[in-house]
Amino acid sequence: MSKLSDTPEDAWLIALGSAVSDGAEVDWDQAERQATDAGRKQILHQLRGLAQIVNAHRSDALNPDDGPRAPSAPSRHWRHIVLFEIVGSGAFGTVYRGWDPALDRDVAVKLSRATDGSASPLEEARHLARVRHTNVVTVYGADHEGDETGIWMEYINGHTLAQIVSDTGPLSAREATGVGVDLCRALAALHGAALLHRDIKAQNVMREVGGRIVLMDFSGAEAIRPDSHEVAISGTPLYMAPEVLARGHASISSDVYSLGALLFFLLSARLPCEGATV
C-alpha cells in the first residue's frame, strides 16, 4: 500500500480511513475530486475497496432482529487536525478527540464559537502555555477558523474524578491524599505563574491510565491582579469560596477552598454545601 506523506495535508485521508472504520457514509465522488495526485488516487482506490469489505462484514454480522444500525457520524477537519468523537461539552465549548498529523499523536481539541462575554480560547491557550507541569494539561496550539476558535492539547486517556466517584464510590483516605498532593503541586505551579484557575472541581480533574492526576479546563483562568477593582464571577457555585459567592475577588485562597471542597467530595461522594439555588 502507498505510504502517506508526513505533511498535515494528508489529514483528509486519515479522516476517510476513520470514516471507513466507523462505517460512516463517504462521498467517494467528492473524495476523488480532492485526490490531486497519483499517490492519493491510489490510496483512495484502496480505501474504497476496503470500505466494501468492511460493509460486507458489517452486514453479515447484523442480526435482522436488531433492526437497522444507526450511522456513525463522519470524521471532519478543523484546521489541519482530524476530529473524531465528542468527548465532552459545556458552556465554554465542545471537546473532541482528534489526530494531529504534524505531531503524529492523539490530541484533545476544544472548539467554541465567539459569544459576547465568553472567555477567549486563545486567552485560555496563552494561560496554559505559561505553565509546564506534569499535573497540568499541556497545550500544543491555538487558532481560529471561520466562526470557530479552538485549542488543541494533550489527549488524556482516563476518567474524570467525578466519573470515578460516580462509578466506584468515594476514594480511600490514601487515594484522596495522593490526589490532593498532586493537585497542590499543580496549583503551586499555576499560582507561581501568577494565574488563578477559578473552577477547580471533580469534573475538571482527570486520572490518566497509569495514575497520573491532571488538572484540566482553564477556560475560567485569569491572571492574579491584586490591585484590580473589577469583579467577574466564574466557576461552579457549589465549589466556590464564600467570599467569591458574595461577589468578592477570586484569589489563591479561593482556589485552595475549591480544592478543599473537591477533596471533601472525593472522600464522601457529596459536597460540603448542597442546594438547588444560590
C-alpha atoms as a PDB file:
ATOM      1  CA  MET A   1       0.000   0.000   0.000  1.00  0.00           C
ATOM      2  CA  SER A   2       1.170   3.545  -0.742  1.00  0.00           C
ATOM      3  CA  LYS A   3       2.705   5.396   2.174  1.00  0.00           C
ATOM      4  CA  LEU A   4       1.139   8.605   3.447  1.00  0.00           C
ATOM      5  CA  SER A   5       3.437  11.601   3.458  1.00  0.00           C
ATOM      6  CA  ASP A   6       4.464  13.298   6.693  1.00  0.00           C
ATOM      7  CA  THR A   7       2.640  16.530   5.843  1.00  0.00           C
ATOM      8  CA  PRO A   8      -0.582  17.688   7.543  1.00  0.00           C
ATOM      9  CA  GLU A   9      -2.290  17.779   4.109  1.00  0.00           C
ATOM     10  CA  ASP A  10      -2.867  14.034   4.447  1.00  0.00           C
ATOM     11  CA  ALA A  11      -5.341  14.712   7.267  1.00  0.00           C
ATOM     12  CA  TRP A  12      -8.279  14.259   4.900  1.00  0.00           C
ATOM     13  CA  LEU A  13      -7.074  10.744   4.061  1.00  0.00           C
ATOM     14  CA  ILE A  14      -6.892   9.948   7.774  1.00  0.00           C
ATOM     15  CA  ALA A  15     -10.466  11.238   8.098  1.00  0.00           C
ATOM     16  CA  LEU A  16     -11.565   8.963   5.242  1.00  0.00           C
ATOM     17  CA  GLY A  17      -9.874   5.986   6.884  1.00  0.00           C
ATOM     18  CA  SER A  18     -11.637   6.759  10.159  1.00  0.00           C
ATOM     19  CA  ALA A  19     -14.991   7.034   8.370  1.00  0.00           C
ATOM     20  CA  VAL A  20     -14.435   3.643   6.730  1.00  0.00           C
ATOM     21  CA  SER A  21     -13.513   2.103  10.082  1.00  0.00           C
ATOM     22  CA  ASP A  22     -16.615   3.587  11.751  1.00  0.00           C
ATOM     23  CA  GLY A  23     -18.964   2.524   8.970  1.00  0.00           C
ATOM     24  CA  ALA A  24     -19.886   6.143   8.194  1.00  0.00           C
ATOM     25  CA  GLU A  25     -21.132   7.152   4.747  1.00  0.00           C
ATOM     26  CA  VAL A  26     -18.440   8.548   2.443  1.00  0.00           C
ATOM     27  CA  ASP A  27     -18.977  10.747  -0.608  1.00  0.00           C
ATOM     28  CA  TRP A  28     -16.476   8.932  -2.825  1.00  0.00           C
ATOM     29  CA  ASP A  29     -17.130  11.189  -5.834  1.00  0.00           C
ATOM     30  CA  GLN A  30     -16.153  14.244  -3.811  1.00  0.00           C
ATOM     31  CA  ALA A  31     -13.158  12.374  -2.406  1.00  0.00           C
ATOM     32  CA  GLU A  32     -11.965  11.573  -5.923  1.00  0.00           C
ATOM     33  CA  ARG A  33     -12.125  15.255  -6.823  1.00  0.00           C
ATOM     34  CA  GLN A  34      -9.907  16.018  -3.823  1.00  0.00           C
ATOM     35  CA  ALA A  35      -7.316  13.420  -4.835  1.00  0.00           C
ATOM     36  CA  THR A  36      -4.980  15.702  -6.762  1.00  0.00           C
ATOM     37  CA  ASP A  37      -2.054  13.347  -7.440  1.00  0.00           C
ATOM     38  CA  ALA A  38      -1.449   9.746  -8.399  1.00  0.00           C
ATOM     39  CA  GLY A  39      -0.371   8.685  -4.911  1.00  0.00           C
ATOM     40  CA  ARG A  40      -3.556   9.928  -3.269  1.00  0.00           C
ATOM     41  CA  LYS A  41      -5.704   8.462  -6.057  1.00  0.00           C
ATOM     42  CA  GLN A  42      -4.120   5.044  -5.419  1.00  0.00           C
ATOM     43  CA  ILE A  43      -4.715   5.280  -1.662  1.00  0.00           C
ATOM     44  CA  LEU A  44      -8.311   6.394  -2.306  1.00  0.00           C
ATOM     45  CA  HIS A  45      -8.912   3.404  -4.579  1.00  0.00           C
ATOM     46  CA  GLN A  46      -7.604   1.055  -1.872  1.00  0.00           C
ATOM     47  CA  LEU A  47      -9.749   2.721   0.795  1.00  0.00           C
ATOM     48  CA  ARG A  48     -12.849   2.362  -1.364  1.00  0.00           C
ATOM     49  CA  GLY A  49     -12.180  -1.335  -1.818  1.00  0.00           C
ATOM     50  CA  LEU A  50     -11.577  -1.710   1.914  1.00  0.00           C
ATOM     51  CA  ALA A  51     -14.884   0.064   2.618  1.00  0.00           C
ATOM     52  CA  GLN A  52     -16.742  -2.515   0.522  1.00  0.00           C
ATOM     53  CA  ILE A  53     -15.145  -5.352   2.509  1.00  0.00           C
ATOM     54  CA  VAL A  54     -15.901  -3.669   5.863  1.00  0.00           C
ATOM     55  CA  ASN A  55     -19.517  -3.004   4.896  1.00  0.00           C
ATOM     56  CA  ALA A  56     -19.960  -6.592   3.745  1.00  0.00           C
ATOM     57  CA  HIS A  57     -18.692  -7.920   7.068  1.00  0.00           C
ATOM     58  CA  ARG A  58     -20.902  -5.483   8.977  1.00  0.00           C
ATOM     59  CA  SER A  59     -23.937  -6.678   7.023  1.00  0.00           C
ATOM     60  CA  ASP A  60     -23.113 -10.332   7.778  1.00  0.00           C
ATOM     61  CA  ALA A  61     -22.688  -9.562  11.491  1.00  0.00           C
ATOM     62  CA  LEU A  62     -26.015  -7.770  11.849  1.00  0.00           C
ATOM     63  CA  ASN A  63     -28.882  -9.736  13.370  1.00  0.00           C
ATOM     64  CA  PRO A  64     -32.087  -8.965  11.431  1.00  0.00           C
ATOM     65  CA  ASP A  65     -33.951  -8.770  14.741  1.00  0.00           C
ATOM     66  CA  ASP A  66     -31.667  -5.980  15.928  1.00  0.00           C
ATOM     67  CA  GLY A  67     -33.102  -3.502  13.435  1.00  0.00           C
ATOM     68  CA  PRO A  68     -31.061  -1.067  11.329  1.00  0.00           C
ATOM     69  CA  ARG A  69     -27.762   0.188  12.720  1.00  0.00           C
ATOM     70  CA  ALA A  70     -27.580   3.937  13.354  1.00  0.00           C
ATOM     71  CA  PRO A  71     -24.972   5.502  11.033  1.00  0.00           C
ATOM     72  CA  SER A  72     -21.780   6.760  12.628  1.00  0.00           C
ATOM     73  CA  ALA A  73     -21.003  10.467  12.468  1.00  0.00           C
ATOM     74  CA  PRO A  74     -18.307  11.052   9.838  1.00  0.00           C
ATOM     75  CA  SER A  75     -14.955  12.493  10.858  1.00  0.00           C
ATOM     76  CA  ARG A  76     -14.232  16.078   9.878  1.00  0.00           C
ATOM     77  CA  HIS A  77     -11.390  18.565   9.872  1.00  0.00           C
ATOM     78  CA  TRP A  78     -10.609  21.612  11.915  1.00  0.00           C
ATOM     79  CA  ARG A  79      -7.542  23.339  10.539  1.00  0.00           C
ATOM     80  CA  HIS A  80      -5.050  20.507   9.896  1.00  0.00           C
ATOM     81  CA  ILE A  81      -6.497  18.278  12.652  1.00  0.00           C
ATOM     82  CA  VAL A  82      -8.879  15.361  12.100  1.00  0.00           C
ATOM     83  CA  LEU A  83     -11.775  15.396  14.564  1.00  0.00           C
ATOM     84  CA  PHE A  84     -13.341  12.166  15.783  1.00  0.00           C
ATOM     85  CA  GLU A  85     -15.935  11.691  18.519  1.00  0.00           C
ATOM     86  CA  ILE A  86     -17.093  14.282  21.060  1.00  0.00           C
ATOM     87  CA  VAL A  87     -15.603  13.526  24.487  1.00  0.00           C
ATOM     88  CA  GLY A  88     -17.069  16.447  26.427  1.00  0.00           C
ATOM     89  CA  SER A  89     -19.080  19.638  26.179  1.00  0.00           C
ATOM     90  CA  GLY A  90     -20.069  22.564  28.355  1.00  0.00           C
ATOM     91  CA  ALA A  91     -20.703  26.269  28.499  1.00  0.00           C
ATOM     92  CA  PHE A  92     -17.233  27.037  27.158  1.00  0.00           C
ATOM     93  CA  GLY A  93     -17.272  24.750  24.115  1.00  0.00           C
ATOM     94  CA  THR A  94     -17.117  21.201  22.802  1.00  0.00           C
ATOM     95  CA  VAL A  95     -14.130  18.882  23.192  1.00  0.00           C
ATOM     96  CA  TYR A  96     -13.273  16.302  20.521  1.00  0.00           C
ATOM     97  CA  ARG A  97     -10.755  13.514  20.342  1.00  0.00           C
ATOM     98  CA  GLY A  98      -8.592  14.332  17.371  1.00  0.00           C
ATOM     99  CA  TRP A  99      -5.470  13.411  15.450  1.00  0.00           C
ATOM    100  CA  ASP A 100      -2.689  15.888  14.687  1.00  0.00           C
ATOM    101  CA  PRO A 101      -0.701  14.572  11.682  1.00  0.00           C
ATOM    102  CA  ALA A 102       2.055  17.130  12.293  1.00  0.00           C
ATOM    103  CA  LEU A 103       2.613  15.851  15.848  1.00  0.00           C
ATOM    104  CA  ASP A 104       1.693  12.258  14.884  1.00  0.00           C
ATOM    105  CA  ARG A 105      -0.391  11.831  18.028  1.00  0.00           C
ATOM    106  CA  ASP A 106      -3.877  11.942  19.528  1.00  0.00           C
ATOM    107  CA  VAL A 107      -4.970  15.350  20.773  1.00  0.00           C
ATOM    108  CA  ALA A 108      -7.960  16.854  22.541  1.00  0.00           C
ATOM    109  CA  VAL A 109      -9.471  19.736  20.569  1.00  0.00           C
ATOM    110  CA  LYS A 110     -11.683  22.272  22.299  1.00  0.00           C
ATOM    111  CA  LEU A 111     -13.804  24.330  19.884  1.00  0.00           C
ATOM    112  CA  SER A 112     -16.100  27.216  20.693  1.00  0.00           C
ATOM    113  CA  ARG A 113     -17.912  29.974  18.863  1.00  0.00           C
ATOM    114  CA  ALA A 114     -17.308  33.554  19.885  1.00  0.00           C
ATOM    115  CA  THR A 115     -20.133  34.957  22.019  1.00  0.00           C
ATOM    116  CA  ASP A 116     -20.363  38.142  23.980  1.00  0.00           C
ATOM    117  CA  GLY A 117     -18.971  37.808  27.466  1.00  0.00           C
ATOM    118  CA  SER A 118     -17.233  34.460  26.946  1.00  0.00           C
ATOM    119  CA  ALA A 119     -13.580  33.931  27.619  1.00  0.00           C
ATOM    120  CA  SER A 120     -11.414  33.623  24.506  1.00  0.00           C
ATOM    121  CA  PRO A 121      -9.998  30.129  23.881  1.00  0.00           C
ATOM    122  CA  LEU A 122      -6.875  31.885  22.625  1.00  0.00           C
ATOM    123  CA  GLU A 123      -6.563  33.533  26.021  1.00  0.00           C
ATOM    124  CA  GLU A 124      -7.023  30.122  27.665  1.00  0.00           C
ATOM    125  CA  ALA A 125      -4.204  28.749  25.498  1.00  0.00           C
ATOM    126  CA  ARG A 126      -1.937  31.635  26.470  1.00  0.00           C
ATOM    127  CA  HIS A 127      -2.618  30.914  30.134  1.00  0.00           C
ATOM    128  CA  LEU A 128      -1.827  27.210  29.693  1.00  0.00           C
ATOM    129  CA  ALA A 129       1.344  27.986  27.741  1.00  0.00           C
ATOM    130  CA  ARG A 130       2.697  29.771  30.827  1.00  0.00           C
ATOM    131  CA  VAL A 131       2.575  26.580  32.909  1.00  0.00           C
ATOM    132  CA  ARG A 132       4.687  23.460  32.405  1.00  0.00           C
ATOM    133  CA  HIS A 133       3.912  20.814  34.993  1.00  0.00           C
ATOM    134  CA  THR A 134       3.218  17.089  34.897  1.00  0.00           C
ATOM    135  CA  ASN A 135      -0.118  17.589  36.706  1.00  0.00           C
ATOM    136  CA  VAL A 136      -1.336  20.332  34.350  1.00  0.00           C
ATOM    137  CA  VAL A 137      -2.607  19.525  30.855  1.00  0.00           C
ATOM    138  CA  THR A 138      -0.163  20.518  28.087  1.00  0.00           C
ATOM    139  CA  VAL A 139      -1.339  22.800  25.273  1.00  0.00           C
ATOM    140  CA  TYR A 140       0.081  22.391  21.756  1.00  0.00           C
ATOM    141  CA  GLY A 141      -1.522  25.255  19.867  1.00  0.00           C
ATOM    142  CA  ALA A 142      -4.457  27.590  19.299  1.00  0.00           C
ATOM    143  CA  ASP A 143      -6.053  29.126  16.246  1.00  0.00           C
ATOM    144  CA  HIS A 144      -9.362  30.215  14.740  1.00  0.00           C
ATOM    145  CA  GLU A 145     -11.188  29.314  11.541  1.00  0.00           C
ATOM    146  CA  GLY A 146     -14.407  30.977  10.431  1.00  0.00           C
ATOM    147  CA  ASP A 147     -16.577  31.488  13.495  1.00  0.00           C
ATOM    148  CA  GLU A 148     -14.804  28.726  15.462  1.00  0.00           C
ATOM    149  CA  THR A 149     -11.883  29.266  17.793  1.00  0.00           C
ATOM    150  CA  GLY A 150     -10.085  26.378  19.374  1.00  0.00           C
ATOM    151  CA  ILE A 151      -7.085  24.975  21.151  1.00  0.00           C
ATOM    152  CA  TRP A 152      -5.538  21.545  20.879  1.00  0.00           C
ATOM    153  CA  MET A 153      -3.800  19.891  23.774  1.00  0.00           C
ATOM    154  CA  GLU A 154      -2.646  16.505  25.006  1.00  0.00           C
ATOM    155  CA  TYR A 155      -5.333  13.837  24.962  1.00  0.00           C
ATOM    156  CA  ILE A 156      -5.702  12.252  28.400  1.00  0.00           C
ATOM    157  CA  ASN A 157      -6.764   8.614  28.290  1.00  0.00           C
ATOM    158  CA  GLY A 158      -8.611   8.203  31.556  1.00  0.00           C
ATOM    159  CA  HIS A 159     -11.622   9.360  33.570  1.00  0.00           C
ATOM    160  CA  THR A 160     -12.583  12.461  35.486  1.00  0.00           C
ATOM    161  CA  LEU A 161     -12.655  12.231  39.264  1.00  0.00           C
ATOM    162  CA  ALA A 162     -16.407  12.840  39.051  1.00  0.00           C
ATOM    163  CA  GLN A 163     -16.794   9.740  36.855  1.00  0.00           C
ATOM    164  CA  ILE A 164     -14.629   7.649  39.170  1.00  0.00           C
ATOM    165  CA  VAL A 165     -16.647   8.564  42.285  1.00  0.00           C
ATOM    166  CA  SER A 166     -19.905   8.009  40.406  1.00  0.00           C
ATOM    167  CA  ASP A 167     -18.798   4.563  39.208  1.00  0.00           C
ATOM    168  CA  THR A 168     -16.938   3.205  42.237  1.00  0.00           C
ATOM    169  CA  GLY A 169     -17.904   5.395  45.188  1.00  0.00           C
ATOM    170  CA  PRO A 170     -15.728   7.519  47.499  1.00  0.00           C
ATOM    171  CA  LEU A 171     -11.958   7.194  47.410  1.00  0.00           C
ATOM    172  CA  SER A 172      -9.965   5.806  50.308  1.00  0.00           C
ATOM    173  CA  ALA A 173      -8.099   8.258  52.526  1.00  0.00           C
ATOM    174  CA  ARG A 174      -4.827   7.137  50.950  1.00  0.00           C
ATOM    175  CA  GLU A 175      -6.108   7.654  47.396  1.00  0.00           C
ATOM    176  CA  ALA A 176      -7.574  11.059  48.211  1.00  0.00           C
ATOM    177  CA  THR A 177      -4.310  12.123  49.869  1.00  0.00           C
ATOM    178  CA  GLY A 178      -2.366  11.214  46.729  1.00  0.00           C
ATOM    179  CA  VAL A 179      -4.783  13.186  44.559  1.00  0.00           C
ATOM    180  CA  GLY A 180      -4.574  16.126  46.938  1.00  0.00           C
ATOM    181  CA  VAL A 181      -0.765  16.198  46.877  1.00  0.00           C
ATOM    182  CA  ASP A 182      -0.698  16.153  43.059  1.00  0.00           C
ATOM    183  CA  LEU A 183      -3.305  18.908  42.806  1.00  0.00           C
ATOM    184  CA  CYS A 184      -1.450  21.037  45.366  1.00  0.00           C
ATOM    185  CA  ARG A 185       1.623  20.740  43.155  1.00  0.00           C
ATOM    186  CA  ALA A 186      -0.422  21.708  40.094  1.00  0.00           C
ATOM    187  CA  LEU A 187      -1.874  24.732  41.912  1.00  0.00           C
ATOM    188  CA  ALA A 188       1.575  25.762  43.148  1.00  0.00           C
ATOM    189  CA  ALA A 189       2.803  25.784  39.534  1.00  0.00           C
ATOM    190  CA  LEU A 190      -0.279  27.708  38.433  1.00  0.00           C
ATOM    191  CA  HIS A 191      -0.054  30.311  41.189  1.00  0.00           C
ATOM    192  CA  GLY A 192       3.699  30.545  40.635  1.00  0.00           C
ATOM    193  CA  ALA A 193       2.882  31.657  37.069  1.00  0.00           C
ATOM    194  CA  ALA A 194       0.570  34.338  38.550  1.00  0.00           C
ATOM    195  CA  LEU A 195      -2.594  32.552  37.410  1.00  0.00           C
ATOM    196  CA  LEU A 196      -5.843  31.534  39.127  1.00  0.00           C
ATOM    197  CA  HIS A 197      -7.832  28.527  37.941  1.00  0.00           C
ATOM    198  CA  ARG A 198     -11.214  29.615  39.412  1.00  0.00           C
ATOM    199  CA  ASP A 199     -13.068  26.374  38.570  1.00  0.00           C
ATOM    200  CA  ILE A 200     -11.437  23.500  40.417  1.00  0.00           C
ATOM    201  CA  LYS A 201     -13.935  20.634  40.630  1.00  0.00           C
ATOM    202  CA  ALA A 202     -14.145  16.886  40.151  1.00  0.00           C
ATOM    203  CA  GLN A 203     -15.228  17.283  36.512  1.00  0.00           C
ATOM    204  CA  ASN A 204     -12.067  19.262  35.703  1.00  0.00           C
ATOM    205  CA  VAL A 205      -9.538  16.760  37.044  1.00  0.00           C
ATOM    206  CA  MET A 206      -8.677  13.505  35.265  1.00  0.00           C
ATOM    207  CA  ARG A 207      -6.874  10.405  36.408  1.00  0.00           C
ATOM    208  CA  GLU A 208      -4.961   9.056  33.459  1.00  0.00           C
ATOM    209  CA  VAL A 209      -4.483   5.329  32.886  1.00  0.00           C
ATOM    210  CA  GLY A 210      -1.400   4.691  34.987  1.00  0.00           C
ATOM    211  CA  GLY A 211      -2.488   7.009  37.807  1.00  0.00           C
ATOM    212  CA  ARG A 212      -1.295  10.465  36.752  1.00  0.00           C
ATOM    213  CA  ILE A 213      -3.589  13.251  38.009  1.00  0.00           C
ATOM    214  CA  VAL A 214      -4.161  16.094  35.516  1.00  0.00           C
ATOM    215  CA  LEU A 215      -5.806  19.477  36.116  1.00  0.00           C
ATOM    216  CA  MET A 216      -7.884  20.474  33.066  1.00  0.00           C
ATOM    217  CA  ASP A 217     -10.130  23.232  31.679  1.00  0.00           C
ATOM    218  CA  PHE A 218      -8.584  26.646  32.073  1.00  0.00           C
ATOM    219  CA  SER A 219     -11.461  28.486  30.385  1.00  0.00           C
ATOM    220  CA  GLY A 220     -12.110  30.447  33.570  1.00  0.00           C
ATOM    221  CA  ALA A 221      -8.470  31.133  34.411  1.00  0.00           C
ATOM    222  CA  GLU A 222      -7.249  34.679  34.898  1.00  0.00           C
ATOM    223  CA  ALA A 223      -4.087  36.478  35.877  1.00  0.00           C
ATOM    224  CA  ILE A 224      -3.640  37.411  39.529  1.00  0.00           C
ATOM    225  CA  ARG A 225      -4.295  41.159  39.749  1.00  0.00           C
ATOM    226  CA  PRO A 226      -4.316  42.224  43.403  1.00  0.00           C
ATOM    227  CA  ASP A 227      -4.933  45.902  42.581  1.00  0.00           C
ATOM    228  CA  SER A 228      -7.883  45.311  40.253  1.00  0.00           C
ATOM    229  CA  HIS A 229     -11.330  46.511  41.331  1.00  0.00           C
ATOM    230  CA  GLU A 230     -13.160  44.575  38.587  1.00  0.00           C
ATOM    231  CA  VAL A 231     -15.129  41.552  39.800  1.00  0.00           C
ATOM    232  CA  ALA A 232     -16.003  38.811  37.290  1.00  0.00           C
ATOM    233  CA  ILE A 233     -17.507  35.723  38.880  1.00  0.00           C
ATOM    234  CA  SER A 234     -16.525  32.453  37.213  1.00  0.00           C
ATOM    235  CA  GLY A 235     -16.730  28.882  38.394  1.00  0.00           C
ATOM    236  CA  THR A 236     -19.142  26.322  39.821  1.00  0.00           C
ATOM    237  CA  PRO A 237     -21.171  27.707  42.764  1.00  0.00           C
ATOM    238  CA  LEU A 238     -21.018  24.571  44.942  1.00  0.00           C
ATOM    239  CA  TYR A 239     -17.210  24.692  44.808  1.00  0.00           C
ATOM    240  CA  MET A 240     -16.873  28.465  45.232  1.00  0.00           C
ATOM    241  CA  ALA A 241     -15.446  30.109  48.316  1.00  0.00           C
ATOM    242  CA  PRO A 242     -17.997  32.174  50.330  1.00  0.00           C
ATOM    243  CA  GLU A 243     -16.237  35.452  49.559  1.00  0.00           C
ATOM    244  CA  VAL A 244     -16.447  34.776  45.801  1.00  0.00           C
ATOM    245  CA  LEU A 245     -20.166  33.973  46.073  1.00  0.00           C
ATOM    246  CA  ALA A 246     -20.526  37.312  47.871  1.00  0.00           C
ATOM    247  CA  ARG A 247     -19.108  38.942  44.714  1.00  0.00           C
ATOM    248  CA  GLY A 248     -15.629  39.246  46.117  1.00  0.00           C
ATOM    249  CA  HIS A 249     -12.396  38.767  44.227  1.00  0.00           C
ATOM    250  CA  ALA A 250     -11.102  35.320  43.341  1.00  0.00           C
ATOM    251  CA  SER A 251      -7.716  34.662  44.919  1.00  0.00           C
ATOM    252  CA  ILE A 252      -5.172  31.996  45.692  1.00  0.00           C
ATOM    253  CA  SER A 253      -7.171  31.321  48.855  1.00  0.00           C
ATOM    254  CA  SER A 254     -10.403  30.774  46.897  1.00  0.00           C
ATOM    255  CA  ASP A 255      -8.621  28.257  44.636  1.00  0.00           C
ATOM    256  CA  VAL A 256      -7.439  26.422  47.766  1.00  0.00           C
ATOM    257  CA  TYR A 257     -11.005  26.459  49.139  1.00  0.00           C
ATOM    258  CA  SER A 258     -12.257  24.835  45.928  1.00  0.00           C
ATOM    259  CA  LEU A 259      -9.563  22.182  46.245  1.00  0.00           C
ATOM    260  CA  GLY A 260     -10.743  21.501  49.802  1.00  0.00           C
ATOM    261  CA  ALA A 261     -14.332  21.105  48.573  1.00  0.00           C
ATOM    262  CA  LEU A 262     -13.066  18.669  45.924  1.00  0.00           C
ATOM    263  CA  LEU A 263     -11.223  16.561  48.497  1.00  0.00           C
ATOM    264  CA  PHE A 264     -14.354  16.507  50.674  1.00  0.00           C
ATOM    265  CA  PHE A 265     -16.273  15.207  47.649  1.00  0.00           C
ATOM    266  CA  LEU A 266     -13.691  12.500  46.944  1.00  0.00           C
ATOM    267  CA  LEU A 267     -13.969  11.157  50.488  1.00  0.00           C
ATOM    268  CA  SER A 268     -17.750  11.389  50.901  1.00  0.00           C
ATOM    269  CA  ALA A 269     -19.293  11.495  47.395  1.00  0.00           C
ATOM    270  CA  ARG A 270     -21.061  14.722  48.332  1.00  0.00           C
ATOM    271  CA  LEU A 271     -20.143  18.387  48.590  1.00  0.00           C
ATOM    272  CA  PRO A 272     -19.767  20.331  51.845  1.00  0.00           C
ATOM    273  CA  CYS A 273     -22.618  22.652  50.832  1.00  0.00           C
ATOM    274  CA  GLU A 274     -25.539  21.454  48.739  1.00  0.00           C
ATOM    275  CA  GLY A 275     -28.575  23.232  47.359  1.00  0.00           C
ATOM    276  CA  ALA A 276     -30.619  23.811  44.239  1.00  0.00           C
ATOM    277  CA  THR A 277     -30.221  27.599  44.306  1.00  0.00           C
ATOM    278  CA  VAL A 278     -27.533  30.088  45.230  1.00  0.00           C
END
